[in-house]
Structures are given as structure tokens and as C-alpha cells.
């Protein structure tokens, strides 16, 4: 009797384990005929230069002659207007489907998403044998959302990384984790430079995941609840510098985070001035501007250092250094040219930049108008 019960326990254990294995490999696996070995047939979702790096790795592998290649074929789903991924796919004669597009059942082994920005239909996720996986440029659950790299720089994070997750229906960036890789951020790194570096990490990590896809899907694990932060979409008006409220460090981080994506700007009288280059904090510190200017000056005060040729601006706690700006009808000019053409002609007590908050709403209206008009030219 004891031996019978022992055998029965073994059978129950085996059945439970088999059921667990079947359902954890992928909740979308529907039959035992699913292919478990590469090369995989892949559908790729992407738009920008970050995602193009991964697409290039997938396509290059698919046309390689090595016996152990990972990718059999890759098709692309892309937005309708011109973008780096569509240009790359067209140039290399890849099949391109225009978003929105619903995947047919069992046409692909796995879907891959890199910097796509659209919610995928549940039916499309279910249509792939191993579901759809996503490469996200942060260490999830930190910086879920639309702008993780910008928020990473804006927050002054010392490290970031890339996370490969399963795409969950109806939600962004909350799926189970397949793989993660950390990346130590170099001092003074900009968001544009970090985007380039993380695009390489994401590409390598996707290829590594595909080499043993069933294993990583089976042993994927839920994201921890602790440490979750949301990287909200950045709006253009956030580039407006508030000299009274923003610290010198925050302004410099904003420059490193926004430059190349959004304008960093301020106002001289009613003229919108785009700041193109800031001096590094160590250069500002060496200038020791506080010893050269009366302590009573208010945030926004401009002081031109003739020897260093830097325009220093008082902010909430310290000073920022400006090297070049862009002004309407003139384009890029140096800090010295801006001093000669604007500041030197004013009385010292009127040499101030300001946020011009009264004009922010009108600036928003202009942006909205431009967005509406642009729809007619797609």
C-alpha cells in the first residue's frame, strides 16, 4: 500500500511539473507541435534609430551562411510615415506591414518590439508561438513609460541598462522579465549618447535571448513591485528654464537630457532664446563668478566673462555657463556675439533672462496649431 501511494505521488508530481512547464513556457502556446529550436521566424516592431540597430542584427543573422544562425526570416511592422526602420527595411527588401496591423495566427515564432510606442493588439500577441518580447532601455521596473533615457539623465542616475520582457496585453512595460543587463553611465553622458550605447546593448541582449528563447521564456519572472518609477512623455514646453526655481545642476542635466530631442530655451525681453551649449559644471566652478558679481543679483542675471568668453547666468542656487545660443533670424551665435549684440547695450540692472511664463500658454497653442496643420501633409 505504501509503495502504491509513493508511486501515485510520483505520478502527481510529474503531471504537476509537466503542466507547470507547459503553461510557463508561454501562456500562448496552444499545441505540442510548436517549434522549440531556432532559426526563428520573427516579426519586428520598431521606428527609430535605436530600434534599427536591433533590426540590422536580426537581418544580418538571417542572411548569414552559418549553420547555427538564429533568425530564419524577419518581417517588419512599421508606422506609415518615413522613419529609420521603414527606410532600412525597404532598402533591404524586407516585407513591411503598415501599422495598425493584426498578425495572422501561427505565422511567426516570436515578435520583437524595440522603441515602437504603440499598444499591440492582444490577438497579435497570442498569434506568435512564443508571444512578443520587448527591449526596454532601463532596468525595469525603474522608468517604465515613454521616455526612460531622458528621465535617466534628468534624474542623474549612475547606472541604467536594458530589460527584455514579455509584452503583456493592454499594458506597457509590466510584463515578466526574461533578461536584464546593467550599464554604468559615463560622467557627463547625454541622452543622445546613451541612446546610441543602449541600442547596442538591446541588440546584443535580443540576440542572446533568441539563442535560447524557450529557456528564457520558461524561467521569466514577474517584475518586483519595489523601485517602480514612471518615465512620463516629455513635452516641448518643459525645455523652458525657470531661473528662479531650477538649480544649476538640474539645468545642466536638463540640457544633457533634452539636447537633440527638444529645445532648451529662455527669454530675453520677449525674444525666445534657445541655448545650444552649456559649460560643464567644473568649468563654472573654476570661474568662481560669485566673487566677481554683487551677491544681491537675482536669478536670471547675465554676466559675461570676457576672458573665458562665457555668459554666466544666475540660477536658483548658483551659476550656469552658456557658450552659444540660437536667436530668431540669426541662427547660432556665440555667447560673446550675444553679449555684444544684446547685453552690452543694456543697463546692468536690466541684464536678465526670464522664463516668460505668460508666453508659455501661447507657445503651447502654436505647437498645437503646427501639429494640426502637419496632419494635412502626411
Protein backbone atom coordinates (compact mmCIF):
# COMPACT_ATOMS: atom_id res chain seq x y z
CA UNK A 1 0.00 0.00 0.00
CA UNK A 2 2.84 2.34 0.89
CA UNK A 3 4.59 1.66 -2.45
CA UNK A 4 1.33 2.31 -4.32
CA UNK A 5 0.88 5.69 -2.62
CA UNK A 6 4.52 6.56 -3.28
CA UNK A 7 4.10 5.76 -6.98
CA UNK A 8 0.90 7.79 -7.05
CA UNK A 9 2.75 10.81 -5.58
CA UNK A 10 5.38 10.49 -8.28
CA UNK A 11 2.72 10.46 -10.99
CA UNK A 12 1.01 13.52 -9.46
CA UNK A 13 4.35 15.33 -9.19
CA UNK A 14 5.18 14.53 -12.80
CA UNK A 15 1.77 15.72 -14.00
CA UNK A 16 2.05 18.96 -11.98
CA UNK A 17 5.55 19.63 -13.24
CA UNK A 18 4.54 18.98 -16.85
CA UNK A 19 1.54 21.26 -16.53
CA UNK A 20 3.68 23.96 -14.92
CA UNK A 21 6.27 23.65 -17.69
CA UNK A 22 3.62 23.83 -20.42
CA UNK A 23 1.94 26.93 -19.09
CA UNK A 24 5.07 28.81 -18.01
CA UNK A 25 6.91 28.40 -21.31
CA UNK A 26 4.29 30.67 -22.76
CA UNK A 27 0.65 31.17 -21.92
CA UNK A 28 0.03 31.42 -25.64
CA UNK A 29 1.42 28.02 -26.64
CA UNK A 30 -1.56 26.06 -27.86
CA UNK A 31 -0.17 22.74 -29.09
CA UNK A 32 2.77 20.38 -28.85
CA UNK A 33 3.79 20.96 -32.45
CA UNK A 34 5.32 24.36 -31.58
CA UNK A 35 8.89 24.63 -32.87
CA UNK A 36 11.34 24.69 -29.97
CA UNK A 37 14.60 25.32 -31.83
CA UNK A 38 15.89 28.23 -33.88
CA UNK A 39 16.18 29.61 -36.52
CA UNK A 40 13.04 31.58 -35.74
CA UNK A 41 10.60 33.33 -38.00
CA UNK A 42 10.30 36.81 -36.48
CA UNK A 43 8.05 39.83 -36.81
CA UNK A 44 9.73 43.06 -35.73
CA UNK A 45 8.08 46.27 -34.49
CA UNK A 46 10.17 49.46 -34.48
CA UNK A 47 10.51 53.05 -35.64
CA UNK A 48 13.69 54.94 -34.72
CA UNK A 49 17.48 54.60 -34.83
CA UNK A 50 17.51 52.74 -31.51
CA UNK A 51 15.28 50.00 -32.93
CA UNK A 52 17.07 49.99 -36.29
CA UNK A 53 20.22 48.64 -34.63
CA UNK A 54 18.35 45.52 -33.47
CA UNK A 55 16.65 45.10 -36.85
CA UNK A 56 20.06 45.22 -38.53
CA UNK A 57 21.36 42.47 -36.22
CA UNK A 58 18.32 40.29 -36.95
CA UNK A 59 18.52 40.77 -40.71
CA UNK A 60 22.30 40.26 -40.85
CA UNK A 61 21.92 36.99 -38.97
CA UNK A 62 19.09 35.85 -41.26
CA UNK A 63 21.25 36.16 -44.40
CA UNK A 64 24.34 34.59 -42.83
CA UNK A 65 25.54 31.21 -44.02
CA UNK A 66 26.45 29.80 -40.60
CA UNK A 67 24.74 26.58 -39.56
CA UNK A 68 23.86 27.91 -36.10
CA UNK A 69 22.06 31.05 -37.27
CA UNK A 70 19.23 32.23 -35.05
CA UNK A 71 16.92 34.06 -37.47
CA UNK A 72 15.21 32.30 -40.35
CA UNK A 73 13.23 35.29 -41.61
CA UNK A 74 12.24 38.73 -40.30
CA UNK A 75 9.23 40.80 -41.35
CA UNK A 76 8.59 44.36 -40.16
CA UNK A 77 5.59 46.23 -38.82
CA UNK A 78 6.13 49.98 -39.03
CA UNK A 79 4.33 53.31 -38.85
CA UNK A 80 3.06 54.73 -42.12
CA UNK A 81 5.35 57.73 -42.45
CA UNK A 82 9.06 57.87 -43.10
CA UNK A 83 11.29 56.60 -40.27
CA UNK A 84 14.69 54.86 -39.93
CA UNK A 85 13.19 51.37 -39.58
CA UNK A 86 10.97 51.71 -42.67
CA UNK A 87 13.90 53.07 -44.70
CA UNK A 88 16.14 50.19 -43.58
CA UNK A 89 13.51 47.54 -44.30
CA UNK A 90 12.74 48.97 -47.74
CA UNK A 91 16.43 49.23 -48.63
CA UNK A 92 16.95 45.54 -47.75
CA UNK A 93 13.75 44.29 -49.43
CA UNK A 94 12.14 43.14 -46.19
CA UNK A 95 8.40 42.60 -46.04
CA UNK A 96 6.86 45.67 -44.37
CA UNK A 97 3.35 45.88 -42.94
CA UNK A 98 1.97 49.30 -42.08
CA UNK A 99 0.69 49.87 -38.57
CA UNK A 100 -2.00 49.16 -37.43
CA UNK A 101 -1.65 45.51 -38.45
CA UNK A 102 -3.04 42.32 -36.88
CA UNK A 103 -0.77 39.29 -37.11
CA UNK A 104 -2.14 36.05 -38.57
CA UNK A 105 -2.13 33.04 -36.24
CA UNK A 106 0.99 30.87 -36.16
CA UNK A 107 2.77 32.84 -38.88
CA UNK A 108 5.64 33.77 -36.56
CA UNK A 109 7.56 32.09 -33.76
CA UNK A 110 8.08 35.31 -31.82
CA UNK A 111 7.53 39.04 -32.13
CA UNK A 112 10.16 41.59 -31.10
CA UNK A 113 9.42 45.19 -30.09
CA UNK A 114 12.08 47.88 -29.75
CA UNK A 115 11.08 51.55 -29.28
CA UNK A 116 7.72 51.22 -31.03
CA UNK A 117 5.41 53.25 -28.78
CA UNK A 118 2.07 51.63 -29.70
CA UNK A 119 -0.12 49.21 -27.76
CA UNK A 120 -0.10 45.85 -29.56
CA UNK A 121 -3.43 44.04 -30.01
CA UNK A 122 -3.98 41.07 -27.70
CA UNK A 123 -4.74 38.84 -30.70
CA UNK A 124 -1.36 39.67 -32.23
CA UNK A 125 0.44 38.76 -29.00
CA UNK A 126 -1.43 35.44 -28.92
CA UNK A 127 -0.74 34.83 -32.61
CA UNK A 128 3.01 34.29 -32.06
CA UNK A 129 4.03 30.89 -30.71
CA UNK A 130 6.28 32.40 -28.06
CA UNK A 131 4.38 35.64 -27.73
CA UNK A 132 6.09 39.00 -28.22
CA UNK A 133 9.14 40.26 -26.34
CA UNK A 134 10.24 43.85 -25.79
CA UNK A 135 13.63 45.50 -25.29
CA UNK A 136 13.19 48.44 -22.90
CA UNK A 137 16.11 50.87 -22.23
CA UNK A 138 16.01 50.86 -18.42
CA UNK A 139 16.28 48.45 -15.51
CA UNK A 140 12.59 47.76 -15.07
CA UNK A 141 10.54 48.42 -13.04
CA UNK A 142 12.50 51.70 -12.90
CA UNK A 143 11.49 54.15 -15.64
CA UNK A 144 8.53 52.44 -17.20
CA UNK A 145 6.98 54.60 -19.88
CA UNK A 146 7.68 56.65 -22.97
CA UNK A 147 10.93 58.48 -22.12
CA UNK A 148 13.16 56.28 -19.93
CA UNK A 149 16.50 57.52 -21.27
CA UNK A 150 15.65 61.21 -20.87
CA UNK A 151 14.42 60.63 -17.32
CA UNK A 152 17.55 58.60 -16.52
CA UNK A 153 19.78 61.56 -17.41
CA UNK A 154 17.44 64.16 -15.91
CA UNK A 155 17.44 62.27 -12.61
CA UNK A 156 21.23 61.90 -12.55
CA UNK A 157 21.19 58.07 -12.36
CA UNK A 158 24.59 56.43 -12.10
CA UNK A 159 23.51 53.27 -13.87
CA UNK A 160 20.81 52.04 -16.22
CA UNK A 161 20.51 49.10 -18.59
CA UNK A 162 18.22 47.14 -20.87
CA UNK A 163 15.42 44.79 -19.87
CA UNK A 164 13.91 42.10 -22.10
CA UNK A 165 10.29 41.47 -21.11
CA UNK A 166 7.26 39.62 -22.35
CA UNK A 167 4.70 42.02 -23.80
CA UNK A 168 1.50 41.97 -21.73
CA UNK A 169 -1.91 42.71 -23.24
CA UNK A 170 -3.28 46.22 -22.65
CA UNK A 171 -0.31 47.47 -20.58
CA UNK A 172 3.14 48.91 -21.27
CA UNK A 173 6.38 47.73 -19.60
CA UNK A 174 4.85 45.48 -16.91
CA UNK A 175 5.49 42.03 -18.39
CA UNK A 176 7.69 39.30 -16.96
CA UNK A 177 11.46 39.76 -17.21
CA UNK A 178 13.47 37.39 -19.41
CA UNK A 179 16.85 39.12 -19.16
CA UNK A 180 18.47 42.29 -17.83
CA UNK A 181 21.88 43.86 -18.34
CA UNK A 182 23.26 46.83 -16.43
CA UNK A 183 25.12 49.74 -17.98
CA UNK A 184 27.22 52.21 -15.99
CA UNK A 185 26.58 55.73 -17.26
CA UNK A 186 29.76 57.73 -18.03
CA UNK A 187 30.03 61.11 -16.33
CA UNK A 188 28.55 63.89 -18.45
CA UNK A 189 26.79 61.45 -20.76
CA UNK A 190 23.92 62.92 -22.80
CA UNK A 191 20.62 61.25 -23.63
CA UNK A 192 21.59 61.04 -27.31
CA UNK A 193 24.88 59.31 -26.48
CA UNK A 194 23.16 56.98 -24.01
CA UNK A 195 20.57 56.10 -26.67
CA UNK A 196 23.36 55.00 -29.01
CA UNK A 197 25.00 52.85 -26.34
CA UNK A 198 21.80 51.23 -25.11
CA UNK A 199 20.74 50.44 -28.68
CA UNK A 200 23.84 48.21 -28.93
CA UNK A 201 23.11 46.60 -25.56
CA UNK A 202 19.49 45.97 -26.59
CA UNK A 203 20.57 44.39 -29.88
CA UNK A 204 23.05 42.06 -28.19
CA UNK A 205 20.56 41.13 -25.49
CA UNK A 206 17.81 40.32 -28.00
CA UNK A 207 20.18 38.03 -29.93
CA UNK A 208 21.27 36.36 -26.70
CA UNK A 209 17.62 35.78 -25.75
CA UNK A 210 16.81 34.27 -29.15
CA UNK A 211 19.64 31.74 -28.87
CA UNK A 212 17.76 30.00 -26.08
CA UNK A 213 14.29 31.51 -26.30
CA UNK A 214 12.26 28.64 -24.77
CA UNK A 215 14.53 28.61 -21.70
CA UNK A 216 14.27 32.35 -21.05
CA UNK A 217 10.52 32.36 -21.59
CA UNK A 218 10.07 29.41 -19.25
CA UNK A 219 12.12 30.98 -16.48
CA UNK A 220 10.86 34.54 -16.87
CA UNK A 221 9.82 36.18 -13.61
CA UNK A 222 7.50 39.00 -12.53
CA UNK A 223 8.89 42.49 -12.08
CA UNK A 224 9.43 43.49 -8.45
CA UNK A 225 6.93 45.95 -7.01
CA UNK A 226 9.67 47.95 -5.29
CA UNK A 227 11.52 50.68 -7.16
CA UNK A 228 8.92 51.31 -9.85
CA UNK A 229 9.14 54.77 -11.45
CA UNK A 230 7.26 56.15 -14.43
CA UNK A 231 9.06 58.00 -17.24
CA UNK A 232 6.33 60.29 -18.49
CA UNK A 233 6.40 61.64 -22.01
CA UNK A 234 8.38 64.87 -22.25
CA UNK A 235 6.59 67.94 -23.59
CA UNK A 236 8.42 70.69 -25.52
CA UNK A 237 7.46 73.39 -23.03
CA UNK A 238 9.45 71.53 -20.34
CA UNK A 239 12.56 72.90 -22.05
CA UNK A 240 11.76 76.36 -20.65
CA UNK A 241 14.34 77.28 -17.99
CA UNK A 242 12.98 78.71 -14.76
CA UNK A 243 16.00 80.51 -13.32
CA UNK A 244 14.25 81.22 -10.02
CA UNK A 245 13.24 77.62 -9.32
CA UNK A 246 15.81 75.45 -11.13
CA UNK A 247 19.18 74.64 -9.60
CA UNK A 248 22.36 74.87 -11.67
CA UNK A 249 22.74 71.07 -11.58
CA UNK A 250 19.16 70.49 -12.72
CA UNK A 251 19.54 72.96 -15.61
CA UNK A 252 22.72 71.25 -16.77
CA UNK A 253 21.04 67.82 -16.52
CA UNK A 254 18.08 69.16 -18.48
CA UNK A 255 20.50 70.27 -21.19
CA UNK A 256 22.17 66.84 -21.32
CA UNK A 257 18.77 65.08 -21.29
CA UNK A 258 16.86 67.26 -23.77
CA UNK A 259 19.54 68.35 -26.25
CA UNK A 260 18.95 66.66 -29.58
CA UNK A 261 15.30 65.98 -28.72
CA UNK A 262 13.83 69.29 -27.52
CA UNK A 263 14.93 72.92 -27.33
CA UNK A 264 16.32 74.25 -24.05
CA UNK A 265 15.22 77.87 -24.04
CA UNK A 266 14.78 81.08 -22.11
CA UNK A 267 13.65 84.62 -22.90
CA UNK A 268 15.48 87.91 -23.34
CA UNK A 269 12.76 90.55 -23.06
CA UNK A 270 10.15 88.94 -25.36
CA UNK A 271 12.64 87.11 -27.59
CA UNK A 272 12.83 83.34 -27.26
CA UNK A 273 16.48 82.29 -26.93
CA UNK A 274 17.46 78.66 -27.50
CA UNK A 275 20.53 77.61 -25.52
CA UNK A 276 22.71 75.35 -27.68
CA UNK A 277 25.75 74.76 -25.45
CA UNK A 278 26.34 74.91 -21.72
CA UNK A 279 29.71 74.96 -19.98
CA UNK A 280 30.35 71.92 -17.79
CA UNK A 281 29.86 72.33 -14.01
CA UNK A 282 33.61 72.07 -13.33
CA UNK A 283 34.31 74.97 -15.74
CA UNK A 284 31.63 77.05 -13.99
CA UNK A 285 33.13 76.26 -10.61
CA UNK A 286 36.63 77.29 -11.70
CA UNK A 287 35.33 80.66 -12.91
CA UNK A 288 34.17 81.49 -9.35
CA UNK A 289 31.67 84.05 -10.66
CA UNK A 290 30.23 84.80 -7.22
CA UNK A 291 33.41 86.72 -6.35
CA UNK A 292 33.01 88.92 -9.47
CA UNK A 293 29.34 89.88 -9.11
CA UNK A 294 27.42 91.56 -6.34
CA UNK A 295 25.57 88.98 -4.21
CA UNK A 296 22.30 90.91 -4.50
CA UNK A 297 21.65 89.95 -8.14
CA UNK A 298 18.50 87.92 -8.74
CA UNK A 299 18.11 84.64 -10.70
CA UNK A 300 18.30 85.23 -14.44
CA UNK A 301 21.01 87.91 -14.17
CA UNK A 302 23.54 87.69 -17.02
CA UNK A 303 27.27 88.30 -16.56
CA UNK A 304 29.68 87.93 -19.47
CA UNK A 305 33.17 86.75 -18.55
CA UNK A 306 35.35 88.40 -21.21
CA UNK A 307 38.44 86.32 -20.52
CA UNK A 308 36.63 82.96 -20.61
CA UNK A 309 34.10 84.14 -23.24
CA UNK A 310 31.27 82.51 -21.28
CA UNK A 311 27.90 84.04 -20.50
CA UNK A 312 27.11 83.19 -16.87
CA UNK A 313 23.50 83.24 -15.68
CA UNK A 314 22.42 83.29 -12.05
CA UNK A 315 20.03 80.49 -11.16
CA UNK A 316 18.28 79.34 -8.00
CA UNK A 317 21.42 78.26 -6.14
CA UNK A 318 24.47 79.05 -8.23
CA UNK A 319 25.52 79.93 -11.81
CA UNK A 320 25.22 78.31 -15.22
CA UNK A 321 27.60 78.96 -18.11
CA UNK A 322 26.34 79.43 -21.67
CA UNK A 323 28.67 79.03 -24.67
CA UNK A 324 26.31 79.54 -27.60
CA UNK A 325 22.66 80.31 -28.33
CA UNK A 326 20.23 80.47 -31.24
CA UNK A 327 18.10 83.53 -31.78
CA UNK A 328 15.33 84.23 -34.32
CA UNK A 329 16.52 85.25 -37.80
CA UNK A 330 20.17 84.92 -36.77
CA UNK A 331 20.68 81.23 -36.08
CA UNK A 332 23.57 80.07 -33.89
CA UNK A 333 25.80 82.74 -32.34
CA UNK A 334 28.47 82.60 -29.65
CA UNK A 335 27.99 83.89 -26.12
CA UNK A 336 30.38 86.72 -26.99
CA UNK A 337 28.28 87.76 -30.01
CA UNK A 338 25.13 87.66 -27.90
CA UNK A 339 26.84 89.86 -25.32
CA UNK A 340 27.98 92.36 -27.94
CA UNK A 341 24.64 92.48 -29.72
CA UNK A 342 22.28 92.46 -26.74
CA UNK A 343 23.70 92.60 -23.22
CA UNK A 344 26.32 95.31 -23.73
CA UNK A 345 23.60 97.71 -24.92
CA UNK A 346 21.56 97.39 -21.74
CA UNK A 347 21.92 98.92 -18.30
CA UNK A 348 23.48 96.42 -15.83
CA UNK A 349 20.31 96.17 -13.77
CA UNK A 350 18.33 95.08 -16.85
CA UNK A 351 20.56 92.21 -17.96
CA UNK A 352 18.18 89.37 -17.14
CA UNK A 353 16.91 86.17 -18.74
CA UNK A 354 13.45 85.09 -17.64
CA UNK A 355 11.01 82.20 -18.08
CA UNK A 356 8.30 84.43 -19.58
CA UNK A 357 5.57 82.18 -18.15
CA UNK A 358 2.90 84.41 -19.66
CA UNK A 359 4.02 83.31 -23.11
CA UNK A 360 4.13 79.58 -22.33
CA UNK A 361 0.41 79.10 -22.99
CA UNK A 362 0.65 80.92 -26.31
CA UNK A 363 3.67 78.77 -27.18
CA UNK A 364 1.60 75.65 -26.44
CA UNK A 365 -1.10 76.98 -28.76
CA UNK A 366 1.44 77.46 -31.54
CA UNK A 367 2.69 73.88 -31.11
CA UNK A 368 -0.87 72.53 -31.17
CA UNK A 369 -1.62 74.54 -34.32
CA UNK A 370 1.53 73.20 -36.01
CA UNK A 371 0.55 69.63 -35.05
CA UNK A 372 -2.94 70.04 -36.53
CA UNK A 373 -1.64 71.61 -39.74
CA UNK A 374 1.01 68.89 -40.18
CA UNK A 375 -1.70 66.21 -40.44
CA UNK A 376 -2.68 67.62 -43.81
CA UNK A 377 0.80 66.93 -45.19
CA UNK A 378 1.18 63.26 -44.23
